[in-house]
Amino acid sequence: MPDRDSFHSVMRIGPVQTGIHRDRTGRTAHAAVCTADRCGWSADYSSRTAAQLAARTHRCTVR
């Protein structure tokens, strides 16, 4: 049974949270997730810098 998927090094940039987790293959992945209501945007990146850049440039289409 795989380990529980948990995030660490969580950081908030505006409405977007970034964090580090293990993907399905066990590799480290960096996620960026918008926490605004009805936005639903999220993405995985291979580096922390890419996730932070996506968080800084994300614009919610739902207001």
C-alpha atoms as a PDB file:
ATOM      1  CA  MET A   1       0.000   0.000   0.000  1.00  0.00           C
ATOM      2  CA  PRO A   2       1.483   3.403  -0.965  1.00  0.00           C
ATOM      3  CA  ASP A   3       2.284   6.059   1.577  1.00  0.00           C
ATOM      4  CA  ARG A   4      -0.313   8.703   2.207  1.00  0.00           C
ATOM      5  CA  ASP A   5      -0.028  11.646  -0.200  1.00  0.00           C
ATOM      6  CA  SER A   6       0.874  14.663   1.895  1.00  0.00           C
ATOM      7  CA  PHE A   7       2.048  18.132   1.010  1.00  0.00           C
ATOM      8  CA  HIS A   8       4.865  19.950   2.700  1.00  0.00           C
ATOM      9  CA  SER A   9       6.672  23.264   2.240  1.00  0.00           C
ATOM     10  CA  VAL A  10       3.302  24.875   1.553  1.00  0.00           C
ATOM     11  CA  MET A  11       3.430  28.536   0.544  1.00  0.00           C
ATOM     12  CA  ARG A  12       0.671  30.994  -0.361  1.00  0.00           C
ATOM     13  CA  ILE A  13       1.001  33.534  -3.184  1.00  0.00           C
ATOM     14  CA  GLY A  14      -2.255  35.478  -3.458  1.00  0.00           C
ATOM     15  CA  PRO A  15      -5.109  32.979  -3.808  1.00  0.00           C
ATOM     16  CA  VAL A  16      -2.714  30.238  -4.987  1.00  0.00           C
ATOM     17  CA  GLN A  17      -1.003  27.725  -2.710  1.00  0.00           C
ATOM     18  CA  THR A  18       2.121  25.859  -3.767  1.00  0.00           C
ATOM     19  CA  GLY A  19       3.530  22.741  -2.139  1.00  0.00           C
ATOM     20  CA  ILE A  20       5.715  19.687  -2.627  1.00  0.00           C
ATOM     21  CA  HIS A  21       4.346  16.141  -2.817  1.00  0.00           C
ATOM     22  CA  ARG A  22       5.173  12.722  -4.250  1.00  0.00           C
ATOM     23  CA  ASP A  23       3.480  11.812  -7.538  1.00  0.00           C
ATOM     24  CA  ARG A  24       2.165   8.346  -8.479  1.00  0.00           C
ATOM     25  CA  THR A  25       5.614   7.118  -9.463  1.00  0.00           C
ATOM     26  CA  GLY A  26       7.220   8.301  -6.223  1.00  0.00           C
ATOM     27  CA  ARG A  27       9.011  11.306  -7.707  1.00  0.00           C
ATOM     28  CA  THR A  28       8.926  14.731  -6.090  1.00  0.00           C
ATOM     29  CA  ALA A  29       6.435  17.078  -7.750  1.00  0.00           C
ATOM     30  CA  HIS A  30       5.563  20.700  -7.085  1.00  0.00           C
ATOM     31  CA  ALA A  31       1.878  21.633  -7.195  1.00  0.00           C
ATOM     32  CA  ALA A  32       0.172  24.999  -7.605  1.00  0.00           C
ATOM     33  CA  VAL A  33      -3.534  25.149  -6.660  1.00  0.00           C
ATOM     34  CA  CYS A  34      -5.924  28.114  -6.700  1.00  0.00           C
ATOM     35  CA  THR A  35      -8.057  28.243  -3.560  1.00  0.00           C
ATOM     36  CA  ALA A  36     -10.617  30.765  -4.884  1.00  0.00           C
ATOM     37  CA  ASP A  37     -14.243  29.602  -4.991  1.00  0.00           C
ATOM     38  CA  ARG A  38     -15.279  28.049  -8.335  1.00  0.00           C
ATOM     39  CA  CYS A  39     -11.838  28.517  -9.933  1.00  0.00           C
ATOM     40  CA  GLY A  40     -10.671  24.893  -9.970  1.00  0.00           C
ATOM     41  CA  TRP A  41      -7.209  25.597 -11.444  1.00  0.00           C
ATOM     42  CA  SER A  42      -4.304  23.353 -10.450  1.00  0.00           C
ATOM     43  CA  ALA A  43      -1.121  22.065 -12.055  1.00  0.00           C
ATOM     44  CA  ASP A  44       1.964  19.976 -11.265  1.00  0.00           C
ATOM     45  CA  TYR A  45       5.475  21.149 -12.119  1.00  0.00           C
ATOM     46  CA  SER A  46       8.923  19.602 -11.986  1.00  0.00           C
ATOM     47  CA  SER A  47      10.521  22.525 -10.125  1.00  0.00           C
ATOM     48  CA  ARG A  48       9.565  24.833  -7.296  1.00  0.00           C
ATOM     49  CA  THR A  49      10.479  27.875  -9.395  1.00  0.00           C
ATOM     50  CA  ALA A  50       8.008  26.898 -12.119  1.00  0.00           C
ATOM     51  CA  ALA A  51       5.202  26.397  -9.580  1.00  0.00           C
ATOM     52  CA  GLN A  52       5.897  29.782  -7.991  1.00  0.00           C
ATOM     53  CA  LEU A  53       5.961  31.506 -11.387  1.00  0.00           C
ATOM     54  CA  ALA A  54       2.608  29.925 -12.266  1.00  0.00           C
ATOM     55  CA  ALA A  55       1.197  31.077  -8.927  1.00  0.00           C
ATOM     56  CA  ARG A  56       2.359  34.650  -9.501  1.00  0.00           C
ATOM     57  CA  THR A  57       0.943  34.836 -13.033  1.00  0.00           C
ATOM     58  CA  HIS A  58      -2.359  32.985 -12.431  1.00  0.00           C
ATOM     59  CA  ARG A  59      -5.493  35.013 -13.022  1.00  0.00           C
ATOM     60  CA  CYS A  60      -8.850  33.575 -11.995  1.00  0.00           C
ATOM     61  CA  THR A  61     -11.493  33.759 -14.697  1.00  0.00           C
ATOM     62  CA  VAL A  62     -14.276  33.531 -12.095  1.00  0.00           C
ATOM     63  CA  ARG A  63     -14.816  36.657 -10.030  1.00  0.00           C
END
